[in-house]
């Protein structure tokens, strides 16, 4: 007779929400509501589970629409600087430290309606196993989104994913995209004469039609932030001539930065102690499931992810003080 596994995805993902700093099997053993569940059961769950990124769709699908939405792409590095033997980790650039760091890189696709947002798919960037680039992973995510029936308003990416190959890949789906450009990207207003987009005569709130080298016609504009930084944007939507609308669509891209910060702070995404690939992947999948649960509750009650987590600790603190103060 097969014994029922004591640790489950539901239990583990809820543990990630409830816990605040000790995301270990030993800690889950101490707080588990299941009698007799040892930390070995957690280890077994992490090692034997076989969740794939595609399985996340089961949890995300009820919370998204296939049309009138944005699909946002970006990557995020999970810090593993204290785990040099981690099989999924590699040394790579991390925006969090503005330099090289040892970590696990996640290439993410976020769904957004401009207000709400949900991670719907992801890939592990681990060329040591599959020899794939981040951009290849991103194109796989786009293909999966198309298969699921998405018809987004725009695909939004930063300059890393704004390559000509990626632009044309999106074009084949008859989708529209907006990306920011590196300042040295070559554009032309006069045939045969190219200048860096940063050297283009482009005034504030102006949208200009140019020829992007190796691609074709795009509309470009620039957005200045309050600190004086300038972002140059390009889109294949040649009807998006209103600067205000252009900027409004682009602002949805910032939500993936908020998601990256939120999922790390509320689910312990980067804090699994295992060094093997399988348990790391299981933990990461459970963290995404946890985050979707937090977002579902936020939509229902209006309580932020952070406040939901704080309330759990607050209740425990209140109970302690009731007895000991």
C-alpha atoms as a PDB file:
ATOM      1  CA  UNK A   1       0.000   0.000   0.000  1.00  0.00           C
ATOM      2  CA  UNK A   2       1.426   3.371  -1.061  1.00  0.00           C
ATOM      3  CA  UNK A   3       1.835   5.825   1.786  1.00  0.00           C
ATOM      4  CA  UNK A   4       0.355   9.269   1.164  1.00  0.00           C
ATOM      5  CA  UNK A   5       3.022  11.942   0.925  1.00  0.00           C
ATOM      6  CA  UNK A   6       2.751  14.156   3.997  1.00  0.00           C
ATOM      7  CA  UNK A   7       4.258  17.278   2.469  1.00  0.00           C
ATOM      8  CA  UNK A   8       2.263  18.748  -0.425  1.00  0.00           C
ATOM      9  CA  UNK A   9       2.533  21.725  -2.744  1.00  0.00           C
ATOM     10  CA  UNK A  10      -0.338  23.421  -0.902  1.00  0.00           C
ATOM     11  CA  UNK A  11       1.305  22.985   2.494  1.00  0.00           C
ATOM     12  CA  UNK A  12       4.740  24.028   1.284  1.00  0.00           C
ATOM     13  CA  UNK A  13       3.534  27.092  -0.664  1.00  0.00           C
ATOM     14  CA  UNK A  14       1.475  28.300   2.317  1.00  0.00           C
ATOM     15  CA  UNK A  15       4.523  27.778   4.538  1.00  0.00           C
ATOM     16  CA  UNK A  16       6.500  30.119   2.262  1.00  0.00           C
ATOM     17  CA  UNK A  17       3.909  32.838   2.825  1.00  0.00           C
ATOM     18  CA  UNK A  18       3.665  32.322   6.585  1.00  0.00           C
ATOM     19  CA  UNK A  19       7.398  32.076   7.267  1.00  0.00           C
ATOM     20  CA  UNK A  20       9.605  35.127   7.459  1.00  0.00           C
ATOM     21  CA  UNK A  21      13.230  34.034   7.447  1.00  0.00           C
ATOM     22  CA  UNK A  22      13.685  30.258   7.832  1.00  0.00           C
ATOM     23  CA  UNK A  23      12.586  28.509   4.662  1.00  0.00           C
ATOM     24  CA  UNK A  24      13.830  25.037   5.577  1.00  0.00           C
ATOM     25  CA  UNK A  25      12.374  21.574   5.909  1.00  0.00           C
ATOM     26  CA  UNK A  26      13.379  21.538   9.562  1.00  0.00           C
ATOM     27  CA  UNK A  27      11.396  24.710  10.199  1.00  0.00           C
ATOM     28  CA  UNK A  28       8.341  23.347   8.381  1.00  0.00           C
ATOM     29  CA  UNK A  29       8.558  20.189  10.527  1.00  0.00           C
ATOM     30  CA  UNK A  30       8.330  22.360  13.647  1.00  0.00           C
ATOM     31  CA  UNK A  31       5.188  24.206  12.530  1.00  0.00           C
ATOM     32  CA  UNK A  32       3.418  21.590  10.411  1.00  0.00           C
ATOM     33  CA  UNK A  33      -0.218  20.872  11.338  1.00  0.00           C
ATOM     34  CA  UNK A  34       0.292  17.290  10.150  1.00  0.00           C
ATOM     35  CA  UNK A  35       1.160  14.997  13.058  1.00  0.00           C
ATOM     36  CA  UNK A  36       4.390  13.096  12.664  1.00  0.00           C
ATOM     37  CA  UNK A  37       5.614  14.951   9.593  1.00  0.00           C
ATOM     38  CA  UNK A  38       9.400  14.983   9.750  1.00  0.00           C
ATOM     39  CA  UNK A  39      11.675  17.277   7.770  1.00  0.00           C
ATOM     40  CA  UNK A  40      12.600  14.240   5.665  1.00  0.00           C
ATOM     41  CA  UNK A  41       9.083  14.423   4.204  1.00  0.00           C
ATOM     42  CA  UNK A  42       9.811  17.970   3.042  1.00  0.00           C
ATOM     43  CA  UNK A  43      13.122  16.875   1.554  1.00  0.00           C
ATOM     44  CA  UNK A  44      11.345  14.041  -0.233  1.00  0.00           C
ATOM     45  CA  UNK A  45       8.711  16.432  -1.604  1.00  0.00           C
ATOM     46  CA  UNK A  46      11.345  18.833  -2.928  1.00  0.00           C
ATOM     47  CA  UNK A  47      13.428  16.098  -4.552  1.00  0.00           C
ATOM     48  CA  UNK A  48      10.651  13.962  -6.040  1.00  0.00           C
ATOM     49  CA  UNK A  49       8.224  16.579  -7.330  1.00  0.00           C
ATOM     50  CA  UNK A  50       8.364  17.324 -11.033  1.00  0.00           C
ATOM     51  CA  UNK A  51       6.645  20.669 -11.504  1.00  0.00           C
ATOM     52  CA  UNK A  52       7.339  22.434 -14.791  1.00  0.00           C
ATOM     53  CA  UNK A  53       7.022  26.161 -15.567  1.00  0.00           C
ATOM     54  CA  UNK A  54       4.084  25.255 -17.827  1.00  0.00           C
ATOM     55  CA  UNK A  55       2.235  23.927 -14.737  1.00  0.00           C
ATOM     56  CA  UNK A  56       2.017  27.487 -13.396  1.00  0.00           C
ATOM     57  CA  UNK A  57      -0.666  28.200 -16.006  1.00  0.00           C
ATOM     58  CA  UNK A  58      -3.164  26.181 -13.958  1.00  0.00           C
ATOM     59  CA  UNK A  59      -2.928  28.785 -11.190  1.00  0.00           C
ATOM     60  CA  UNK A  60      -2.542  31.865 -13.389  1.00  0.00           C
ATOM     61  CA  UNK A  61      -5.209  31.170 -16.034  1.00  0.00           C
ATOM     62  CA  UNK A  62      -8.293  31.998 -13.893  1.00  0.00           C
ATOM     63  CA  UNK A  63      -6.820  35.404 -13.079  1.00  0.00           C
ATOM     64  CA  UNK A  64      -5.970  36.721 -16.552  1.00  0.00           C
ATOM     65  CA  UNK A  65      -7.619  37.754 -19.797  1.00  0.00           C
ATOM     66  CA  UNK A  66      -6.239  36.738 -23.179  1.00  0.00           C
ATOM     67  CA  UNK A  67      -6.950  40.100 -24.834  1.00  0.00           C
ATOM     68  CA  UNK A  68      -6.653  43.785 -23.863  1.00  0.00           C
ATOM     69  CA  UNK A  69      -3.541  43.026 -21.854  1.00  0.00           C
ATOM     70  CA  UNK A  70       0.210  43.468 -21.830  1.00  0.00           C
ATOM     71  CA  UNK A  71       2.820  40.713 -21.858  1.00  0.00           C
ATOM     72  CA  UNK A  72       5.941  41.953 -20.100  1.00  0.00           C
ATOM     73  CA  UNK A  73       9.333  40.274 -20.232  1.00  0.00           C
ATOM     74  CA  UNK A  74      12.406  40.638 -18.059  1.00  0.00           C
ATOM     75  CA  UNK A  75      14.814  38.559 -16.006  1.00  0.00           C
ATOM     76  CA  UNK A  76      15.777  38.524 -12.347  1.00  0.00           C
ATOM     77  CA  UNK A  77      18.722  36.933 -10.524  1.00  0.00           C
ATOM     78  CA  UNK A  78      18.180  34.990  -7.302  1.00  0.00           C
ATOM     79  CA  UNK A  79      21.192  35.602  -5.086  1.00  0.00           C
ATOM     80  CA  UNK A  80      23.190  32.455  -4.312  1.00  0.00           C
ATOM     81  CA  UNK A  81      26.415  34.168  -3.297  1.00  0.00           C
ATOM     82  CA  UNK A  82      26.605  31.961  -0.182  1.00  0.00           C
ATOM     83  CA  UNK A  83      25.915  28.761  -2.091  1.00  0.00           C
ATOM     84  CA  UNK A  84      28.816  28.344  -4.481  1.00  0.00           C
ATOM     85  CA  UNK A  85      28.002  24.672  -5.166  1.00  0.00           C
ATOM     86  CA  UNK A  86      24.417  25.327  -6.252  1.00  0.00           C
ATOM     87  CA  UNK A  87      23.861  23.420  -9.505  1.00  0.00           C
ATOM     88  CA  UNK A  88      21.462  25.963 -11.033  1.00  0.00           C
ATOM     89  CA  UNK A  89      23.540  29.006 -10.142  1.00  0.00           C
ATOM     90  CA  UNK A  90      26.211  30.637 -12.274  1.00  0.00           C
ATOM     91  CA  UNK A  91      28.197  33.845 -12.229  1.00  0.00           C
ATOM     92  CA  UNK A  92      26.362  36.499 -14.242  1.00  0.00           C
ATOM     93  CA  UNK A  93      25.417  40.148 -14.276  1.00  0.00           C
ATOM     94  CA  UNK A  94      22.896  41.151 -11.600  1.00  0.00           C
ATOM     95  CA  UNK A  95      21.128  44.500 -11.650  1.00  0.00           C
ATOM     96  CA  UNK A  96      20.655  44.280  -7.880  1.00  0.00           C
ATOM     97  CA  UNK A  97      24.413  44.521  -7.275  1.00  0.00           C
ATOM     98  CA  UNK A  98      25.255  46.296 -10.554  1.00  0.00           C
ATOM     99  CA  UNK A  99      27.890  43.698 -11.304  1.00  0.00           C
ATOM    100  CA  UNK A 100      28.726  40.012 -11.401  1.00  0.00           C
ATOM    101  CA  UNK A 101      26.990  37.768  -8.886  1.00  0.00           C
ATOM    102  CA  UNK A 102      26.517  34.065  -8.339  1.00  0.00           C
ATOM    103  CA  UNK A 103      22.848  33.303  -8.723  1.00  0.00           C
ATOM    104  CA  UNK A 104      19.950  31.643 -10.512  1.00  0.00           C
ATOM    105  CA  UNK A 105      18.558  33.722 -13.347  1.00  0.00           C
ATOM    106  CA  UNK A 106      14.832  33.591 -14.044  1.00  0.00           C
ATOM    107  CA  UNK A 107      13.437  34.816 -17.366  1.00  0.00           C
ATOM    108  CA  UNK A 108       9.862  35.861 -16.579  1.00  0.00           C
ATOM    109  CA  UNK A 109       6.692  36.680 -18.481  1.00  0.00           C
ATOM    110  CA  UNK A 110       4.208  38.864 -16.651  1.00  0.00           C
ATOM    111  CA  UNK A 111       0.580  39.441 -17.626  1.00  0.00           C
ATOM    112  CA  UNK A 112      -0.859  42.877 -16.893  1.00  0.00           C
ATOM    113  CA  UNK A 113      -4.096  44.718 -17.576  1.00  0.00           C
ATOM    114  CA  UNK A 114      -2.408  47.972 -16.588  1.00  0.00           C
ATOM    115  CA  UNK A 115      -3.493  47.673 -12.943  1.00  0.00           C
ATOM    116  CA  UNK A 116      -3.360  44.023 -11.908  1.00  0.00           C
ATOM    117  CA  UNK A 117      -0.538  41.682 -12.841  1.00  0.00           C
ATOM    118  CA  UNK A 118       0.303  37.989 -12.612  1.00  0.00           C
ATOM    119  CA  UNK A 119       3.402  35.955 -13.525  1.00  0.00           C
ATOM    120  CA  UNK A 120       2.166  33.463 -16.118  1.00  0.00           C
ATOM    121  CA  UNK A 121       5.350  31.703 -17.221  1.00  0.00           C
ATOM    122  CA  UNK A 122       9.073  31.560 -16.600  1.00  0.00           C
ATOM    123  CA  UNK A 123      12.282  29.813 -17.606  1.00  0.00           C
ATOM    124  CA  UNK A 124      15.477  28.958 -15.752  1.00  0.00           C
ATOM    125  CA  UNK A 125      18.467  30.488 -17.523  1.00  0.00           C
ATOM    126  CA  UNK A 126      21.017  27.716 -17.088  1.00  0.00           C
ATOM    127  CA  UNK A 127      23.180  27.379 -20.225  1.00  0.00           C
ATOM    128  CA  UNK A 128      25.330  24.866 -18.368  1.00  0.00           C
ATOM    129  CA  UNK A 129      22.427  22.437 -18.889  1.00  0.00           C
ATOM    130  CA  UNK A 130      20.648  23.441 -22.112  1.00  0.00           C
ATOM    131  CA  UNK A 131      23.002  25.906 -23.861  1.00  0.00           C
ATOM    132  CA  UNK A 132      20.119  28.363 -24.390  1.00  0.00           C
ATOM    133  CA  UNK A 133      20.432  32.140 -24.211  1.00  0.00           C
ATOM    134  CA  UNK A 134      18.057  34.411 -22.333  1.00  0.00           C
ATOM    135  CA  UNK A 135      16.664  35.606 -25.646  1.00  0.00           C
ATOM    136  CA  UNK A 136      15.952  32.038 -26.761  1.00  0.00           C
ATOM    137  CA  UNK A 137      14.063  31.462 -23.523  1.00  0.00           C
ATOM    138  CA  UNK A 138      12.118  34.683 -24.117  1.00  0.00           C
ATOM    139  CA  UNK A 139      11.083  33.594 -27.599  1.00  0.00           C
ATOM    140  CA  UNK A 140       9.916  30.262 -26.152  1.00  0.00           C
ATOM    141  CA  UNK A 141       7.762  32.173 -23.661  1.00  0.00           C
ATOM    142  CA  UNK A 142       6.270  34.214 -26.505  1.00  0.00           C
ATOM    143  CA  UNK A 143       5.488  31.047 -28.459  1.00  0.00           C
ATOM    144  CA  UNK A 144       3.801  29.472 -25.435  1.00  0.00           C
ATOM    145  CA  UNK A 145       1.714  32.625 -24.914  1.00  0.00           C
ATOM    146  CA  UNK A 146       0.580  32.483 -28.539  1.00  0.00           C
ATOM    147  CA  UNK A 147      -0.383  28.817 -28.168  1.00  0.00           C
ATOM    148  CA  UNK A 148      -2.491  29.749 -25.135  1.00  0.00           C
ATOM    149  CA  UNK A 149      -4.450  32.231 -27.230  1.00  0.00           C
ATOM    150  CA  UNK A 150      -3.059  35.547 -26.023  1.00  0.00           C
ATOM    151  CA  UNK A 151      -3.650  38.607 -28.185  1.00  0.00           C
ATOM    152  CA  UNK A 152      -1.917  41.355 -26.212  1.00  0.00           C
ATOM    153  CA  UNK A 153      -2.202  45.087 -26.720  1.00  0.00           C
ATOM    154  CA  UNK A 154       1.596  45.258 -26.594  1.00  0.00           C
ATOM    155  CA  UNK A 155       4.592  43.129 -25.668  1.00  0.00           C
ATOM    156  CA  UNK A 156       6.839  45.224 -23.407  1.00  0.00           C
ATOM    157  CA  UNK A 157      10.556  44.565 -22.866  1.00  0.00           C
ATOM    158  CA  UNK A 158      13.691  46.381 -21.882  1.00  0.00           C
ATOM    159  CA  UNK A 159      16.645  46.822 -24.244  1.00  0.00           C
ATOM    160  CA  UNK A 160      18.140  43.402 -23.432  1.00  0.00           C
ATOM    161  CA  UNK A 161      15.177  41.742 -25.157  1.00  0.00           C
ATOM    162  CA  UNK A 162      14.845  44.474 -27.798  1.00  0.00           C
ATOM    163  CA  UNK A 163      16.970  42.726 -30.419  1.00  0.00           C
ATOM    164  CA  UNK A 164      15.995  42.734 -34.086  1.00  0.00           C
ATOM    165  CA  UNK A 165      15.505  38.960 -33.919  1.00  0.00           C
ATOM    166  CA  UNK A 166      13.048  39.324 -31.040  1.00  0.00           C
ATOM    167  CA  UNK A 167      11.231  42.184 -32.771  1.00  0.00           C
ATOM    168  CA  UNK A 168      10.732  40.127 -35.915  1.00  0.00           C
ATOM    169  CA  UNK A 169       9.690  37.104 -33.861  1.00  0.00           C
ATOM    170  CA  UNK A 170       6.863  39.180 -32.367  1.00  0.00           C
ATOM    171  CA  UNK A 171       6.003  40.638 -35.770  1.00  0.00           C
ATOM    172  CA  UNK A 172       5.324  37.128 -37.105  1.00  0.00           C
ATOM    173  CA  UNK A 173       2.566  36.790 -34.507  1.00  0.00           C
ATOM    174  CA  UNK A 174       1.043  40.063 -35.734  1.00  0.00           C
ATOM    175  CA  UNK A 175       1.506  41.528 -32.263  1.00  0.00           C
ATOM    176  CA  UNK A 176       2.641  45.031 -31.376  1.00  0.00           C
ATOM    177  CA  UNK A 177       5.642  45.705 -29.190  1.00  0.00           C
ATOM    178  CA  UNK A 178       7.321  48.544 -27.324  1.00  0.00           C
ATOM    179  CA  UNK A 179      10.918  48.336 -26.144  1.00  0.00           C
ATOM    180  CA  UNK A 180      13.499  50.750 -24.897  1.00  0.00           C
ATOM    181  CA  UNK A 181      16.623  51.154 -27.003  1.00  0.00           C
ATOM    182  CA  UNK A 182      20.236  51.415 -25.996  1.00  0.00           C
ATOM    183  CA  UNK A 183      21.534  54.884 -26.760  1.00  0.00           C
ATOM    184  CA  UNK A 184      23.834  53.608 -29.523  1.00  0.00           C
ATOM    185  CA  UNK A 185      21.117  51.849 -31.564  1.00  0.00           C
ATOM    186  CA  UNK A 186      21.362  53.088 -35.142  1.00  0.00           C
ATOM    187  CA  UNK A 187      18.405  54.882 -36.764  1.00  0.00           C
ATOM    188  CA  UNK A 188      17.977  56.801 -39.989  1.00  0.00           C
ATOM    189  CA  UNK A 189      15.777  59.574 -41.318  1.00  0.00           C
ATOM    190  CA  UNK A 190      17.746  59.870 -44.554  1.00  0.00           C
ATOM    191  CA  UNK A 191      18.460  56.769 -46.620  1.00  0.00           C
ATOM    192  CA  UNK A 192      21.998  55.486 -46.049  1.00  0.00           C
ATOM    193  CA  UNK A 193      22.710  57.879 -43.170  1.00  0.00           C
ATOM    194  CA  UNK A 194      22.555  56.461 -39.638  1.00  0.00           C
ATOM    195  CA  UNK A 195      22.948  58.118 -36.252  1.00  0.00           C
ATOM    196  CA  UNK A 196      22.731  56.817 -32.693  1.00  0.00           C
ATOM    197  CA  UNK A 197      19.208  57.228 -31.365  1.00  0.00           C
ATOM    198  CA  UNK A 198      20.659  59.441 -28.602  1.00  0.00           C
ATOM    199  CA  UNK A 199      21.921  61.828 -31.303  1.00  0.00           C
ATOM    200  CA  UNK A 200      18.588  62.005 -33.086  1.00  0.00           C
ATOM    201  CA  UNK A 201      16.948  65.437 -33.163  1.00  0.00           C
ATOM    202  CA  UNK A 202      14.100  64.453 -30.867  1.00  0.00           C
ATOM    203  CA  UNK A 203      12.344  66.926 -28.605  1.00  0.00           C
ATOM    204  CA  UNK A 204      10.436  66.098 -25.435  1.00  0.00           C
ATOM    205  CA  UNK A 205       6.982  64.631 -26.140  1.00  0.00           C
ATOM    206  CA  UNK A 206       7.782  64.194 -29.826  1.00  0.00           C
ATOM    207  CA  UNK A 207       7.139  60.905 -31.638  1.00  0.00           C
ATOM    208  CA  UNK A 208       9.192  60.433 -34.797  1.00  0.00           C
ATOM    209  CA  UNK A 209       9.162  57.896 -37.631  1.00  0.00           C
ATOM    210  CA  UNK A 210      12.639  56.479 -38.340  1.00  0.00           C
ATOM    211  CA  UNK A 211      14.243  53.460 -39.965  1.00  0.00           C
ATOM    212  CA  UNK A 212      15.798  51.168 -37.351  1.00  0.00           C
ATOM    213  CA  UNK A 213      18.918  49.523 -38.746  1.00  0.00           C
ATOM    214  CA  UNK A 214      18.396  45.901 -39.845  1.00  0.00           C
ATOM    215  CA  UNK A 215      14.708  46.094 -38.929  1.00  0.00           C
ATOM    216  CA  UNK A 216      12.584  48.710 -40.666  1.00  0.00           C
ATOM    217  CA  UNK A 217      10.276  51.579 -39.802  1.00  0.00           C
ATOM    218  CA  UNK A 218       9.502  52.252 -36.126  1.00  0.00           C
ATOM    219  CA  UNK A 219       8.183  55.147 -34.106  1.00  0.00           C
ATOM    220  CA  UNK A 220      10.615  56.453 -31.494  1.00  0.00           C
ATOM    221  CA  UNK A 221      10.247  58.863 -28.611  1.00  0.00           C
ATOM    222  CA  UNK A 222      12.089  59.729 -25.433  1.00  0.00           C
ATOM    223  CA  UNK A 223      10.955  59.938 -21.826  1.00  0.00           C
ATOM    224  CA  UNK A 224      12.853  61.930 -19.203  1.00  0.00           C
ATOM    225  CA  UNK A 225      12.544  60.928 -15.548  1.00  0.00           C
ATOM    226  CA  UNK A 226      12.614  63.301 -12.577  1.00  0.00           C
ATOM    227  CA  UNK A 227      16.335  62.641 -12.047  1.00  0.00           C
ATOM    228  CA  UNK A 228      17.223  63.681 -15.578  1.00  0.00           C
ATOM    229  CA  UNK A 229      17.649  60.188 -17.009  1.00  0.00           C
ATOM    230  CA  UNK A 230      16.368  59.620 -20.532  1.00  0.00           C
ATOM    231  CA  UNK A 231      14.777  56.459 -21.921  1.00  0.00           C
ATOM    232  CA  UNK A 232      14.509  56.006 -25.675  1.00  0.00           C
ATOM    233  CA  UNK A 233      11.557  53.913 -26.837  1.00  0.00           C
ATOM    234  CA  UNK A 234      10.676  52.215 -30.111  1.00  0.00           C
ATOM    235  CA  UNK A 235       7.476  50.538 -31.309  1.00  0.00           C
ATOM    236  CA  UNK A 236       6.291  48.747 -34.431  1.00  0.00           C
ATOM    237  CA  UNK A 237       2.851  50.347 -33.975  1.00  0.00           C
ATOM    238  CA  UNK A 238       3.105  53.128 -36.547  1.00  0.00           C
ATOM    239  CA  UNK A 239      -0.235  54.560 -35.413  1.00  0.00           C
ATOM    240  CA  UNK A 240       0.959  55.241 -31.850  1.00  0.00           C
ATOM    241  CA  UNK A 241       1.769  58.875 -32.569  1.00  0.00           C
ATOM    242  CA  UNK A 242       0.378  60.324 -29.335  1.00  0.00           C
ATOM    243  CA  UNK A 243       3.261  60.692 -26.868  1.00  0.00           C
ATOM    244  CA  UNK A 244       0.971  60.508 -23.828  1.00  0.00           C
ATOM    245  CA  UNK A 245      -0.559  57.212 -24.941  1.00  0.00           C
ATOM    246  CA  UNK A 246       2.885  55.889 -25.870  1.00  0.00           C
ATOM    247  CA  UNK A 247       4.159  56.644 -22.373  1.00  0.00           C
ATOM    248  CA  UNK A 248       1.034  55.221 -20.709  1.00  0.00           C
ATOM    249  CA  UNK A 249       1.419  51.857 -22.450  1.00  0.00           C
ATOM    250  CA  UNK A 250       5.124  51.743 -21.606  1.00  0.00           C
ATOM    251  CA  UNK A 251       4.529  52.379 -17.898  1.00  0.00           C
ATOM    252  CA  UNK A 252       2.987  48.904 -17.527  1.00  0.00           C
ATOM    253  CA  UNK A 253       6.506  47.495 -17.962  1.00  0.00           C
ATOM    254  CA  UNK A 254       7.471  48.795 -14.526  1.00  0.00           C
ATOM    255  CA  UNK A 255       5.123  46.257 -12.965  1.00  0.00           C
ATOM    256  CA  UNK A 256       7.530  43.411 -13.617  1.00  0.00           C
ATOM    257  CA  UNK A 257      10.080  45.193 -11.428  1.00  0.00           C
ATOM    258  CA  UNK A 258       7.454  45.387  -8.685  1.00  0.00           C
ATOM    259  CA  UNK A 259       6.704  41.700  -9.124  1.00  0.00           C
ATOM    260  CA  UNK A 260      10.383  40.743  -8.881  1.00  0.00           C
ATOM    261  CA  UNK A 261      10.752  42.663  -5.637  1.00  0.00           C
ATOM    262  CA  UNK A 262       7.463  41.414  -4.215  1.00  0.00           C
ATOM    263  CA  UNK A 263       7.937  37.724  -4.908  1.00  0.00           C
ATOM    264  CA  UNK A 264      11.420  37.760  -3.384  1.00  0.00           C
ATOM    265  CA  UNK A 265      10.290  39.563  -0.237  1.00  0.00           C
ATOM    266  CA  UNK A 266       7.098  37.609   0.399  1.00  0.00           C
ATOM    267  CA  UNK A 267       7.834  34.008  -0.636  1.00  0.00           C
ATOM    268  CA  UNK A 268      11.501  33.381   0.105  1.00  0.00           C
ATOM    269  CA  UNK A 269      12.025  32.721  -3.614  1.00  0.00           C
ATOM    270  CA  UNK A 270      15.807  32.887  -3.357  1.00  0.00           C
ATOM    271  CA  UNK A 271      16.134  31.336   0.104  1.00  0.00           C
ATOM    272  CA  UNK A 272      16.020  27.594  -0.405  1.00  0.00           C
ATOM    273  CA  UNK A 273      19.143  25.961   1.038  1.00  0.00           C
ATOM    274  CA  UNK A 274      19.352  22.979  -1.336  1.00  0.00           C
ATOM    275  CA  UNK A 275      22.215  22.816  -3.824  1.00  0.00           C
ATOM    276  CA  UNK A 276      20.715  20.238  -6.190  1.00  0.00           C
ATOM    277  CA  UNK A 277      18.693  21.231  -9.246  1.00  0.00           C
ATOM    278  CA  UNK A 278      15.449  19.362  -8.512  1.00  0.00           C
ATOM    279  CA  UNK A 279      14.687  20.754  -5.030  1.00  0.00           C
ATOM    280  CA  UNK A 280      15.621  24.272  -6.174  1.00  0.00           C
ATOM    281  CA  UNK A 281      13.181  24.040  -9.075  1.00  0.00           C
ATOM    282  CA  UNK A 282      10.419  22.693  -6.822  1.00  0.00           C
ATOM    283  CA  UNK A 283      10.957  25.501  -4.315  1.00  0.00           C
ATOM    284  CA  UNK A 284      10.919  28.136  -7.062  1.00  0.00           C
ATOM    285  CA  UNK A 285       7.694  26.764  -8.536  1.00  0.00           C
ATOM    286  CA  UNK A 286       6.059  26.752  -5.086  1.00  0.00           C
ATOM    287  CA  UNK A 287       7.144  30.371  -4.576  1.00  0.00           C
ATOM    288  CA  UNK A 288       5.410  31.437  -7.798  1.00  0.00           C
ATOM    289  CA  UNK A 289       2.261  29.596  -6.685  1.00  0.00           C
ATOM    290  CA  UNK A 290       2.486  31.364  -3.305  1.00  0.00           C
ATOM    291  CA  UNK A 291       2.790  34.752  -4.963  1.00  0.00           C
ATOM    292  CA  UNK A 292      -0.242  34.141  -7.196  1.00  0.00           C
ATOM    293  CA  UNK A 293      -2.169  33.238  -4.036  1.00  0.00           C
ATOM    294  CA  UNK A 294      -1.125  36.505  -2.425  1.00  0.00           C
ATOM    295  CA  UNK A 295      -2.184  38.466  -5.494  1.00  0.00           C
ATOM    296  CA  UNK A 296      -5.532  36.656  -5.588  1.00  0.00           C
ATOM    297  CA  UNK A 297      -6.158  37.691  -1.979  1.00  0.00           C
ATOM    298  CA  UNK A 298      -5.019  41.249  -2.691  1.00  0.00           C
ATOM    299  CA  UNK A 299      -7.594  41.532  -5.465  1.00  0.00           C
ATOM    300  CA  UNK A 300     -10.325  40.134  -3.221  1.00  0.00           C
ATOM    301  CA  UNK A 301      -9.631  42.236  -0.127  1.00  0.00           C
ATOM    302  CA  UNK A 302      -7.405  45.104  -1.220  1.00  0.00           C
ATOM    303  CA  UNK A 303      -4.750  44.050   1.326  1.00  0.00           C
ATOM    304  CA  UNK A 304      -1.216  44.243  -0.094  1.00  0.00           C
ATOM    305  CA  UNK A 305       1.086  41.208  -0.290  1.00  0.00           C
ATOM    306  CA  UNK A 306       3.320  42.708   2.379  1.00  0.00           C
ATOM    307  CA  UNK A 307       0.469  43.441   4.764  1.00  0.00           C
ATOM    308  CA  UNK A 308      -0.918  39.915   4.327  1.00  0.00           C
ATOM    309  CA  UNK A 309       2.432  38.533   5.397  1.00  0.00           C
ATOM    310  CA  UNK A 310       2.795  41.049   8.237  1.00  0.00           C
ATOM    311  CA  UNK A 311      -0.605  40.103   9.644  1.00  0.00           C
ATOM    312  CA  UNK A 312       0.534  36.505  10.140  1.00  0.00           C
ATOM    313  CA  UNK A 313       3.544  37.593  12.188  1.00  0.00           C
ATOM    314  CA  UNK A 314       1.473  40.221  13.968  1.00  0.00           C
ATOM    315  CA  UNK A 315      -1.024  37.600  15.145  1.00  0.00           C
ATOM    316  CA  UNK A 316       1.780  35.386  16.446  1.00  0.00           C
ATOM    317  CA  UNK A 317       3.335  38.365  18.234  1.00  0.00           C
ATOM    318  CA  UNK A 318      -0.009  39.304  19.737  1.00  0.00           C
ATOM    319  CA  UNK A 319      -0.455  35.762  21.069  1.00  0.00           C
ATOM    320  CA  UNK A 320       3.020  35.778  22.586  1.00  0.00           C
ATOM    321  CA  UNK A 321       2.450  39.128  24.292  1.00  0.00           C
ATOM    322  CA  UNK A 322      -0.946  38.034  25.575  1.00  0.00           C
ATOM    323  CA  UNK A 323       0.744  35.222  27.464  1.00  0.00           C
ATOM    324  CA  UNK A 324       4.041  36.798  28.452  1.00  0.00           C
ATOM    325  CA  UNK A 325       3.647  40.550  28.715  1.00  0.00           C
END
